[in-house]
Every structure is written in structure tokens, then in C-alpha cells.
C-alpha atoms as a PDB file:
ATOM      1  CA  MET A   1      -7.636  -9.493  10.828  1.00  0.00           C
ATOM      2  CA  SER A   2      -4.709 -10.390  12.883  1.00  0.00           C
ATOM      3  CA  GLY A   3      -2.436  -8.116  11.252  1.00  0.00           C
ATOM      4  CA  LYS A   4      -0.593 -10.187   8.931  1.00  0.00           C
ATOM      5  CA  TYR A   5       0.988  -9.083   5.834  1.00  0.00           C
ATOM      6  CA  ARG A   6      -0.900 -10.243   2.705  1.00  0.00           C
ATOM      7  CA  VAL A   7       0.018  -9.852  -0.813  1.00  0.00           C
ATOM      8  CA  PHE A   8      -2.526  -8.869  -3.523  1.00  0.00           C
ATOM      9  CA  SER A   9      -1.910 -10.183  -7.428  1.00  0.00           C
ATOM     10  CA  LEU A  10      -2.048  -7.287 -10.162  1.00  0.00           C
ATOM     11  CA  GLU A  11      -5.136  -8.559 -10.958  1.00  0.00           C
ATOM     12  CA  PHE A  12      -7.243  -8.207  -8.103  1.00  0.00           C
ATOM     13  CA  LYS A  13      -5.259  -4.506  -7.292  1.00  0.00           C
ATOM     14  CA  GLU A  14      -6.837  -3.612 -10.750  1.00  0.00           C
ATOM     15  CA  ASN A  15     -10.298  -5.377 -10.330  1.00  0.00           C
ATOM     16  CA  VAL A  16     -10.717  -4.071  -6.990  1.00  0.00           C
ATOM     17  CA  ALA A  17      -9.333  -0.285  -8.794  1.00  0.00           C
ATOM     18  CA  LYS A  18     -11.785  -0.880 -11.135  1.00  0.00           C
ATOM     19  CA  ARG A  19     -15.087  -0.956  -9.257  1.00  0.00           C
ATOM     20  CA  ILE A  20     -14.100   1.857  -7.207  1.00  0.00           C
ATOM     21  CA  LEU A  21     -13.861   3.572 -10.720  1.00  0.00           C
ATOM     22  CA  ASN A  22     -16.837   2.266 -11.427  1.00  0.00           C
ATOM     23  CA  GLY A  23     -18.996   3.824  -8.340  1.00  0.00           C
ATOM     24  CA  GLU A  24     -18.906   1.240  -5.008  1.00  0.00           C
ATOM     25  CA  SER A  25     -17.987   2.682  -2.226  1.00  0.00           C
ATOM     26  CA  VAL A  26     -14.020   2.182  -1.029  1.00  0.00           C
ATOM     27  CA  SER A  27     -16.314   2.103   2.465  1.00  0.00           C
ATOM     28  CA  ALA A  28     -18.074  -0.831   1.157  1.00  0.00           C
ATOM     29  CA  LEU A  29     -15.203  -2.594   0.044  1.00  0.00           C
ATOM     30  CA  HIS A  30     -13.335  -1.489   2.688  1.00  0.00           C
ATOM     31  CA  HIS A  31     -15.823  -3.944   4.669  1.00  0.00           C
ATOM     32  CA  GLU A  32     -15.918  -6.738   2.474  1.00  0.00           C
ATOM     33  CA  LEU A  33     -12.505  -7.270   1.511  1.00  0.00           C
ATOM     34  CA  GLN A  34     -10.722  -6.488   4.836  1.00  0.00           C
ATOM     35  CA  ILE A  35      -8.334  -3.836   3.436  1.00  0.00           C
ATOM     36  CA  LYS A  36      -7.995  -0.728   4.970  1.00  0.00           C
ATOM     37  CA  ARG A  37      -9.349   2.409   3.246  1.00  0.00           C
ATOM     38  CA  SER A  38      -5.896   4.067   2.355  1.00  0.00           C
ATOM     39  CA  VAL A  39      -4.449   1.075   0.274  1.00  0.00           C
ATOM     40  CA  LEU A  40      -7.952   1.586  -1.780  1.00  0.00           C
ATOM     41  CA  TYR A  41      -7.387   4.871  -2.616  1.00  0.00           C
ATOM     42  CA  ARG A  42      -4.248   4.322  -3.317  1.00  0.00           C
ATOM     43  CA  TRP A  43      -4.705   1.581  -5.435  1.00  0.00           C
ATOM     44  CA  ARG A  44      -7.200   3.679  -6.961  1.00  0.00           C
ATOM     45  CA  ASP A  45      -5.793   6.589  -7.754  1.00  0.00           C
ATOM     46  CA  ALA A  46      -2.333   4.644  -9.071  1.00  0.00           C
ATOM     47  CA  TYR A  47      -4.682   2.878 -11.853  1.00  0.00           C
ATOM     48  CA  ARG A  48      -6.230   6.457 -12.667  1.00  0.00           C
ATOM     49  CA  LYS A  49      -2.804   7.910 -13.153  1.00  0.00           C
ATOM     50  CA  ASP A  50      -0.839   4.757 -14.955  1.00  0.00           C
ATOM     51  CA  GLY A  51      -3.023   1.568 -15.866  1.00  0.00           C
ATOM     52  CA  ALA A  52      -2.331  -1.392 -14.389  1.00  0.00           C
ATOM     53  CA  ALA A  53       1.422  -0.471 -14.646  1.00  0.00           C
ATOM     54  CA  GLY A  54       0.776   1.957 -11.963  1.00  0.00           C
ATOM     55  CA  LEU A  55      -0.290  -0.934  -9.477  1.00  0.00           C
ATOM     56  CA  GLU A  56       2.790  -2.800 -10.231  1.00  0.00           C
ATOM     57  CA  ARG A  57       4.803  -0.354  -8.101  1.00  0.00           C
ATOM     58  CA  SER A  58       5.956  -1.883  -4.828  1.00  0.00           C
ATOM     59  CA  GLN A  59       5.507  -0.215  -1.905  1.00  0.00           C
ATOM     60  CA  GLY A  60       8.669   0.875   0.708  1.00  0.00           C
ATOM     61  CA  ARG A  61      12.478   0.889   0.670  1.00  0.00           C
ATOM     62  CA  PRO A  62      13.920   1.011  -2.552  1.00  0.00           C
ATOM     63  CA  PRO A  63      16.185  -2.732  -2.716  1.00  0.00           C
ATOM     64  CA  GLY A  64      19.567  -2.172  -2.088  1.00  0.00           C
ATOM     65  CA  LYS A  65      18.944   0.434   0.497  1.00  0.00           C
ATOM     66  CA  ASN A  66      19.932  -0.341   4.090  1.00  0.00           C
ATOM     67  CA  ARG A  67      18.609   0.271   7.430  1.00  0.00           C
ATOM     68  CA  PRO A  68      21.175   2.281   9.240  1.00  0.00           C
ATOM     69  CA  PRO A  69      22.697  -0.224  12.488  1.00  0.00           C
ATOM     70  CA  LEU A  70      19.764  -0.406  15.543  1.00  0.00           C
ATOM     71  CA  THR A  71      22.488   2.258  17.425  1.00  0.00           C
ATOM     72  CA  HIS A  72      22.499   4.857  15.174  1.00  0.00           C
ATOM     73  CA  ARG A  73      18.829   4.921  14.904  1.00  0.00           C
ATOM     74  CA  ARG A  74      18.630   4.403  18.810  1.00  0.00           C
ATOM     75  CA  ILE A  75      21.125   7.558  19.184  1.00  0.00           C
ATOM     76  CA  CYS A  76      18.800   9.964  16.692  1.00  0.00           C
ATOM     77  CA  GLN A  77      15.673   9.194  18.444  1.00  0.00           C
ATOM     78  CA  SER A  78      16.809  10.176  21.365  1.00  0.00           C
ATOM     79  CA  GLY A  79      18.170  13.331  20.378  1.00  0.00           C
ATOM     80  CA  LEU A  80      21.929  12.536  21.827  1.00  0.00           C
ATOM     81  CA  ARG A  81      23.744  12.962  18.392  1.00  0.00           C
END
């Protein structure tokens, strides 16, 4: 995998989560699907907790939450506050 961002359908994630819960190895699915183990575990846990609705949640920064300006981030990272 070249590190490209991939988007998976709710149906796909649900099927993968069900396969894990039915006893398939996360490691085997990782190799078959080329999806990080951590993502597979996240899908399994979300499906176990909330069913298909748990897989609908998007990851990352919530909409409307902008990042601070680049110069501010650089100052904070350098410790020069």
C-alpha cells in the first residue's frame, strides 16, 4: 500500500467487523485487506459497542474546528511561547 487515504463503506466495515467477531484472525484480515490492525480493532470494538451505528462516526477533527495558524503551531512546538 502506498499510504493513500482510503474510504471504506459502512457495509464493508460492518462485514469486516462481523468476520472478526465470528472468529477470523485480525492478523489474517490485515494481510488479506491491507488495512492496519489498529483500524480493524477499532471497527470491531465500535461494532461490538453500538452495532452498525458505531461504524458511521467519522474520525479526526470535528467539522468547524480549524487548526491554529502554522506560525502559532511552530512557536508552540519549539517551546518559545
